[in-house]
C-alpha atoms as a PDB file:
ATOM      1  CA  MET A   1       0.000   0.000   0.000  1.00  0.00           C
ATOM      2  CA  GLU A   2       1.335   3.410  -1.015  1.00  0.00           C
ATOM      3  CA  ASN A   3       0.360   7.026  -0.501  1.00  0.00           C
ATOM      4  CA  GLU A   4       0.129   9.608  -3.289  1.00  0.00           C
ATOM      5  CA  GLU A   5       3.901  10.221  -3.193  1.00  0.00           C
ATOM      6  CA  GLY A   6       4.628   6.520  -3.618  1.00  0.00           C
ATOM      7  CA  PHE A   7       5.694   5.767  -0.040  1.00  0.00           C
ATOM      8  CA  SER A   8       4.849   2.251   1.078  1.00  0.00           C
ATOM      9  CA  VAL A   9       4.383   0.807   4.556  1.00  0.00           C
ATOM     10  CA  PHE A  10       7.821  -0.792   4.075  1.00  0.00           C
ATOM     11  CA  SER A  11       9.648   2.311   2.877  1.00  0.00           C
ATOM     12  CA  THR A  12      13.041   3.190   4.328  1.00  0.00           C
ATOM     13  CA  GLU A  13      11.534   6.145   6.184  1.00  0.00           C
ATOM     14  CA  VAL A  14       8.983   3.916   7.888  1.00  0.00           C
ATOM     15  CA  ILE A  15      11.458   1.167   8.764  1.00  0.00           C
ATOM     16  CA  ASP A  16      13.862   3.708  10.267  1.00  0.00           C
ATOM     17  CA  PHE A  17      11.095   5.073  12.458  1.00  0.00           C
ATOM     18  CA  VAL A  18       9.969   1.598  13.503  1.00  0.00           C
ATOM     19  CA  LYS A  19      13.501   0.755  14.627  1.00  0.00           C
ATOM     20  CA  SER A  20      13.853   4.028  16.510  1.00  0.00           C
ATOM     21  CA  ALA A  21      10.455   3.670  18.196  1.00  0.00           C
ATOM     22  CA  ASN A  22      11.186   0.098  19.210  1.00  0.00           C
ATOM     23  CA  ALA A  23      14.584   1.084  20.627  1.00  0.00           C
ATOM     24  CA  PHE A  24      12.971   3.862  22.658  1.00  0.00           C
ATOM     25  CA  CYS A  25      10.361   1.532  24.158  1.00  0.00           C
ATOM     26  CA  GLU A  26      12.980  -1.051  25.100  1.00  0.00           C
ATOM     27  CA  LEU A  27      15.176   1.669  26.569  1.00  0.00           C
ATOM     28  CA  VAL A  28      12.401   3.028  28.779  1.00  0.00           C
ATOM     29  CA  TYR A  29      11.973  -0.327  30.476  1.00  0.00           C
ATOM     30  CA  SER A  30      15.700  -0.531  31.211  1.00  0.00           C
ATOM     31  CA  PHE A  31      15.703   2.738  33.166  1.00  0.00           C
ATOM     32  CA  GLY A  32      15.113   1.047  36.518  1.00  0.00           C
ATOM     33  CA  ASP A  33      18.629  -0.421  36.410  1.00  0.00           C
ATOM     34  CA  LEU A  34      20.370   2.814  35.427  1.00  0.00           C
ATOM     35  CA  LYS A  35      21.537   5.797  37.424  1.00  0.00           C
ATOM     36  CA  ARG A  36      19.480   8.952  37.101  1.00  0.00           C
ATOM     37  CA  SER A  37      22.185  10.775  35.155  1.00  0.00           C
ATOM     38  CA  LYS A  38      22.532   7.839  32.746  1.00  0.00           C
ATOM     39  CA  VAL A  39      18.776   7.840  32.125  1.00  0.00           C
ATOM     40  CA  LEU A  40      18.849  11.537  31.252  1.00  0.00           C
ATOM     41  CA  LEU A  41      21.858  11.061  28.985  1.00  0.00           C
ATOM     42  CA  GLU A  42      20.153   8.189  27.182  1.00  0.00           C
ATOM     43  CA  LEU A  43      17.035  10.308  26.668  1.00  0.00           C
ATOM     44  CA  GLN A  44      19.136  13.228  25.448  1.00  0.00           C
ATOM     45  CA  GLU A  45      20.523  10.951  22.733  1.00  0.00           C
ATOM     46  CA  VAL A  46      17.409   9.055  21.665  1.00  0.00           C
ATOM     47  CA  LEU A  47      14.771  11.815  21.657  1.00  0.00           C
ATOM     48  CA  PRO A  48      16.309  13.866  18.804  1.00  0.00           C
ATOM     49  CA  HIS A  49      16.516  10.721  16.654  1.00  0.00           C
ATOM     50  CA  LEU A  50      12.854   9.988  17.287  1.00  0.00           C
ATOM     51  CA  TYR A  51      11.911  13.511  16.278  1.00  0.00           C
ATOM     52  CA  LEU A  52      13.907  13.382  13.033  1.00  0.00           C
ATOM     53  CA  TYR A  53      12.574   9.966  12.028  1.00  0.00           C
ATOM     54  CA  ALA A  54       9.011  11.066  12.789  1.00  0.00           C
ATOM     55  CA  LEU A  55       9.503  14.112  10.568  1.00  0.00           C
ATOM     56  CA  ALA A  56      10.466  11.829   7.696  1.00  0.00           C
ATOM     57  CA  LEU A  57       7.378   9.618   8.016  1.00  0.00           C
ATOM     58  CA  PRO A  58       5.069   9.819   4.996  1.00  0.00           C
ATOM     59  CA  LYS A  59       1.574  11.203   5.401  1.00  0.00           C
ATOM     60  CA  MET A  60      -0.868   8.400   4.757  1.00  0.00           C
ATOM     61  CA  GLU A  61      -4.639   8.422   4.389  1.00  0.00           C
ATOM     62  CA  PRO A  62      -6.513   6.118   6.797  1.00  0.00           C
ATOM     63  CA  PHE A  63      -7.961   2.930   5.331  1.00  0.00           C
ATOM     64  CA  TYR A  64     -10.444   2.089   8.108  1.00  0.00           C
ATOM     65  CA  GLU A  65     -13.084   4.461   9.448  1.00  0.00           C
ATOM     66  CA  ASP A  66     -12.884   3.105  12.988  1.00  0.00           C
ATOM     67  CA  GLY A  67     -10.051   4.130  15.311  1.00  0.00           C
ATOM     68  CA  ASN A  68      -6.972   1.989  15.773  1.00  0.00           C
ATOM     69  CA  GLU A  69      -6.752  -0.623  18.504  1.00  0.00           C
ATOM     70  CA  LYS A  70      -4.876   0.401  21.679  1.00  0.00           C
ATOM     71  CA  PHE A  71      -2.460  -1.868  23.517  1.00  0.00           C
ATOM     72  CA  VAL A  72      -0.941   0.086  26.421  1.00  0.00           C
ATOM     73  CA  THR A  73      -3.254  -0.427  29.376  1.00  0.00           C
ATOM     74  CA  GLU A  74      -3.942   2.138  32.077  1.00  0.00           C
ATOM     75  CA  GLU A  75      -2.211  -0.139  34.583  1.00  0.00           C
ATOM     76  CA  GLU A  76       0.923  -0.412  32.458  1.00  0.00           C
ATOM     77  CA  TYR A  77       0.984   3.358  31.969  1.00  0.00           C
ATOM     78  CA  ASP A  78       0.553   4.076  35.689  1.00  0.00           C
ATOM     79  CA  ASN A  79       3.206   1.539  36.725  1.00  0.00           C
ATOM     80  CA  LEU A  80       5.714   2.941  34.261  1.00  0.00           C
ATOM     81  CA  LYS A  81       4.966   6.510  35.302  1.00  0.00           C
ATOM     82  CA  ALA A  82       5.505   5.625  38.976  1.00  0.00           C
ATOM     83  CA  LEU A  83       8.813   3.920  38.171  1.00  0.00           C
ATOM     84  CA  LEU A  84      10.038   6.924  36.233  1.00  0.00           C
ATOM     85  CA  ALA A  85       8.807   9.418  38.819  1.00  0.00           C
ATOM     86  CA  ASP A  86      10.822   7.556  41.451  1.00  0.00           C
ATOM     87  CA  LYS A  87      13.854   7.544  39.157  1.00  0.00           C
ATOM     88  CA  PHE A  88      13.671  11.275  38.367  1.00  0.00           C
ATOM     89  CA  ALA A  89      12.794  12.160  41.978  1.00  0.00           C
ATOM     90  CA  TYR A  90      13.153  15.896  42.686  1.00  0.00           C
ATOM     91  CA  LEU A  91      13.861  16.528  39.004  1.00  0.00           C
ATOM     92  CA  ASN A  92      10.495  15.188  37.861  1.00  0.00           C
ATOM     93  CA  ASP A  93       8.595  18.508  37.814  1.00  0.00           C
ATOM     94  CA  TYR A  94       9.615  21.276  35.453  1.00  0.00           C
ATOM     95  CA  PRO A  95       8.101  24.474  33.989  1.00  0.00           C
ATOM     96  CA  GLU A  96       6.611  24.303  30.512  1.00  0.00           C
ATOM     97  CA  ILE A  97       7.694  26.562  27.662  1.00  0.00           C
ATOM     98  CA  SER A  98       8.319  30.131  28.781  1.00  0.00           C
ATOM     99  CA  GLY A  99       5.203  32.230  28.458  1.00  0.00           C
ATOM    100  CA  THR A 100       2.780  29.350  28.947  1.00  0.00           C
ATOM    101  CA  GLU A 101       0.585  30.235  31.910  1.00  0.00           C
ATOM    102  CA  SER A 102      -2.350  28.699  33.701  1.00  0.00           C
ATOM    103  CA  PRO A 103      -5.536  30.527  32.630  1.00  0.00           C
ATOM    104  CA  ASP A 104      -6.793  30.513  36.227  1.00  0.00           C
ATOM    105  CA  SER A 105      -3.808  31.586  38.290  1.00  0.00           C
ATOM    106  CA  GLY A 106      -1.559  33.213  35.713  1.00  0.00           C
ATOM    107  CA  ALA A 107       1.300  31.057  37.028  1.00  0.00           C
ATOM    108  CA  PRO A 108       3.464  29.045  34.620  1.00  0.00           C
ATOM    109  CA  ILE A 109       2.271  25.477  34.134  1.00  0.00           C
ATOM    110  CA  VAL A 110       4.374  22.759  35.748  1.00  0.00           C
ATOM    111  CA  SER A 111       4.955  19.639  33.648  1.00  0.00           C
ATOM    112  CA  CYS A 112       6.032  16.172  34.697  1.00  0.00           C
ATOM    113  CA  LEU A 113       8.968  14.465  32.989  1.00  0.00           C
ATOM    114  CA  SER A 114       7.783  10.965  33.865  1.00  0.00           C
ATOM    115  CA  GLU A 115       4.386  11.726  32.312  1.00  0.00           C
ATOM    116  CA  ASP A 116       6.023  13.130  29.180  1.00  0.00           C
ATOM    117  CA  ILE A 117       8.072   9.972  28.667  1.00  0.00           C
ATOM    118  CA  CYS A 118       5.034   7.770  29.316  1.00  0.00           C
ATOM    119  CA  ASP A 119       2.911   9.730  26.837  1.00  0.00           C
ATOM    120  CA  ILE A 120       5.545   9.278  24.136  1.00  0.00           C
ATOM    121  CA  TYR A 121       5.964   5.614  25.068  1.00  0.00           C
ATOM    122  CA  GLN A 122       2.215   5.004  24.888  1.00  0.00           C
ATOM    123  CA  ASP A 123       1.886   6.299  21.340  1.00  0.00           C
ATOM    124  CA  LEU A 124       5.018   4.497  20.146  1.00  0.00           C
ATOM    125  CA  LYS A 125       4.137   1.187  21.781  1.00  0.00           C
ATOM    126  CA  ASP A 126       0.632   1.247  20.290  1.00  0.00           C
ATOM    127  CA  PHE A 127       2.161   2.030  16.891  1.00  0.00           C
ATOM    128  CA  ILE A 128       4.689  -0.812  17.085  1.00  0.00           C
ATOM    129  CA  SER A 129       2.010  -3.287  18.184  1.00  0.00           C
ATOM    130  CA  LEU A 130      -0.161  -2.357  15.208  1.00  0.00           C
ATOM    131  CA  TYR A 131       2.716  -2.377  12.732  1.00  0.00           C
ATOM    132  CA  ARG A 132       3.766  -5.860  13.805  1.00  0.00           C
ATOM    133  CA  MET A 133       0.358  -7.263  12.835  1.00  0.00           C
ATOM    134  CA  GLY A 134       1.581  -7.443   9.242  1.00  0.00           C
ATOM    135  CA  SER A 135      -1.619  -6.321   7.526  1.00  0.00           C
ATOM    136  CA  ASN A 136      -0.906  -3.594   4.988  1.00  0.00           C
ATOM    137  CA  GLU A 137      -4.132  -1.796   5.864  1.00  0.00           C
ATOM    138  CA  ILE A 138      -3.447  -1.847   9.614  1.00  0.00           C
ATOM    139  CA  MET A 139       0.166  -0.820   9.112  1.00  0.00           C
ATOM    140  CA  ASN A 140      -0.988   2.019   6.888  1.00  0.00           C
ATOM    141  CA  ASP A 141      -3.375   3.288   9.565  1.00  0.00           C
ATOM    142  CA  ALA A 142      -0.705   2.923  12.245  1.00  0.00           C
ATOM    143  CA  ILE A 143       1.613   5.189  10.230  1.00  0.00           C
ATOM    144  CA  TRP A 144      -1.198   7.661   9.598  1.00  0.00           C
ATOM    145  CA  GLU A 145      -2.054   7.874  13.309  1.00  0.00           C
ATOM    146  CA  ILE A 146       1.502   8.117  14.686  1.00  0.00           C
ATOM    147  CA  LYS A 147       2.314  10.903  12.204  1.00  0.00           C
ATOM    148  CA  LEU A 148      -0.859  12.774  13.144  1.00  0.00           C
ATOM    149  CA  ASN A 149      -0.208  12.371  16.872  1.00  0.00           C
ATOM    150  CA  PHE A 150       3.389  13.494  16.411  1.00  0.00           C
ATOM    151  CA  GLU A 151       2.239  16.709  14.767  1.00  0.00           C
ATOM    152  CA  ARG A 152      -0.497  17.411  17.311  1.00  0.00           C
ATOM    153  CA  TYR A 153       0.716  15.950  20.599  1.00  0.00           C
ATOM    154  CA  TRP A 154       3.829  13.958  21.347  1.00  0.00           C
ATOM    155  CA  GLY A 155       6.178  15.950  19.086  1.00  0.00           C
ATOM    156  CA  GLN A 156       5.696  19.009  21.295  1.00  0.00           C
ATOM    157  CA  THR A 157       5.923  16.856  24.406  1.00  0.00           C
ATOM    158  CA  LEU A 158       9.250  15.474  23.172  1.00  0.00           C
ATOM    159  CA  VAL A 159      10.630  18.962  22.496  1.00  0.00           C
ATOM    160  CA  ASN A 160       9.579  20.198  25.943  1.00  0.00           C
ATOM    161  CA  ALA A 161      11.149  17.210  27.700  1.00  0.00           C
ATOM    162  CA  LEU A 162      14.370  17.498  25.713  1.00  0.00           C
ATOM    163  CA  ARG A 163      14.659  21.204  26.522  1.00  0.00           C
ATOM    164  CA  TYR A 164      14.369  20.439  30.237  1.00  0.00           C
ATOM    165  CA  ILE A 165      16.774  17.481  30.098  1.00  0.00           C
ATOM    166  CA  HIS A 166      19.344  19.697  28.397  1.00  0.00           C
ATOM    167  CA  GLN A 167      18.894  22.282  31.145  1.00  0.00           C
ATOM    168  CA  VAL A 168      19.389  19.700  33.887  1.00  0.00           C
ATOM    169  CA  LEU A 169      22.423  18.013  32.347  1.00  0.00           C
ATOM    170  CA  TYR A 170      24.263  21.298  31.876  1.00  0.00           C
ATOM    171  CA  SER A 171      23.277  22.845  35.203  1.00  0.00           C
ATOM    172  CA  GLU A 172      26.472  21.569  36.919  1.00  0.00           C
ATOM    173  CA  GLU A 173      24.443  19.882  39.677  1.00  0.00           C
ATOM    174  CA  THR A 174      25.346  16.435  41.013  1.00  0.00           C
ATOM    175  CA  ILE A 175      22.339  14.594  39.631  1.00  0.00           C
ATOM    176  CA  ASP A 176      22.917  11.210  41.270  1.00  0.00           C
ATOM    177  CA  ASP A 177      23.503  12.364  44.881  1.00  0.00           C
ATOM    178  CA  ASN A 178      21.743  10.080  47.361  1.00  0.00           C
ATOM    179  CA  GLU A 179      19.725   8.351  44.621  1.00  0.00           C
ATOM    180  CA  ASN A 180      19.902   4.938  46.226  1.00  0.00           C
ATOM    181  CA  GLN A 181      18.794   6.166  49.657  1.00  0.00           C
ATOM    182  CA  SER A 182      15.228   7.070  48.675  1.00  0.00           C
ATOM    183  CA  ASN A 183      12.557   5.496  50.872  1.00  0.00           C
ATOM    184  CA  ALA A 184       9.902   3.325  49.278  1.00  0.00           C
ATOM    185  CA  GLY A 185       7.026   5.520  48.195  1.00  0.00           C
ATOM    186  CA  SER A 186       9.143   8.674  48.356  1.00  0.00           C
ATOM    187  CA  SER A 187      11.453  10.150  45.753  1.00  0.00           C
ATOM    188  CA  GLN A 188      13.007  12.829  47.950  1.00  0.00           C
ATOM    189  CA  SER A 189      16.579  12.501  49.211  1.00  0.00           C
ATOM    190  CA  ASN A 190      17.737  13.562  52.663  1.00  0.00           C
ATOM    191  CA  ILE A 191      20.279  16.098  51.489  1.00  0.00           C
ATOM    192  CA  ASP A 192      19.524  19.789  51.457  1.00  0.00           C
ATOM    193  CA  THR A 193      18.845  20.834  47.861  1.00  0.00           C
ATOM    194  CA  SER A 194      17.444  24.283  48.632  1.00  0.00           C
ATOM    195  CA  SER A 195      20.467  26.049  47.163  1.00  0.00           C
ATOM    196  CA  TRP A 196      20.572  23.994  43.973  1.00  0.00           C
ATOM    197  CA  PHE A 197      19.864  25.688  40.649  1.00  0.00           C
ATOM    198  CA  ILE A 198      17.113  23.261  39.648  1.00  0.00           C
ATOM    199  CA  THR A 199      15.385  23.507  43.025  1.00  0.00           C
ATOM    200  CA  LYS A 200      15.372  27.299  42.873  1.00  0.00           C
ATOM    201  CA  ARG A 201      13.929  27.251  39.369  1.00  0.00           C
ATOM    202  CA  GLN A 202      11.183  24.821  40.392  1.00  0.00           C
ATOM    203  CA  GLU A 203      10.250  26.963  43.385  1.00  0.00           C
ATOM    204  CA  GLU A 204      10.109  30.075  41.238  1.00  0.00           C
ATOM    205  CA  TYR A 205       7.737  28.454  38.763  1.00  0.00           C
ATOM    206  CA  ARG A 206       5.499  27.152  41.545  1.00  0.00           C
ATOM    207  CA  GLY A 207       5.293  30.636  42.977  1.00  0.00           C
ATOM    208  CA  ASN A 208       7.143  29.773  46.185  1.00  0.00           C
ATOM    209  CA  GLY A 209      10.136  31.843  45.282  1.00  0.00           C
ATOM    210  CA  LYS A 210       8.397  34.957  44.002  1.00  0.00           C
ATOM    211  CA  LYS A 211       9.398  38.186  45.633  1.00  0.00           C
ATOM    212  CA  GLY A 212       6.731  40.067  47.453  1.00  0.00           C
ATOM    213  CA  ASN A 213       4.720  36.986  48.498  1.00  0.00           C
ATOM    214  CA  ASP A 214       3.476  37.046  52.082  1.00  0.00           C
END
């Protein structure tokens, strides 16, 4: 099956993306065994590749009228998010793009790195599961949907997460301090992080560090 430009479901552009998406999903599930800094470094390397390969995906027209089948369950998503939140610990929350504010409070919106990674994982895992079915029509619709979702949703999520990861990795903080001493159910370490660059930035965006607050 081909689109108007002659791209098929087995084109080089599609195969490259499939490999990249599969590598990302496998990498995410290896994060539990890696140090926090290593996880961030791995993400810093893989996310740009995902973005570039997604850009190269052909635009297909859907074959079926009904929506595609989903494979990532709510339980799997929640378990993965909890694992990543524990791994990222105090680094998990970060401010969204500068200038983005909550319509109610006027305060910048705080995003969650573990949720970002899970959102990307969810779309990619569903895509891979569909593509592996081997039906040209299903594969076609999987490509159509992942390209559409990249343009509307997870592409921006990826860019936001990568921006924050870059900020953290080049902040000159010791990212792995006390990582292995976290209590079960808590991601916070016992060391005082109040003077750290990342902590100060997080407090500012939550409104705790604003001057003039009572």
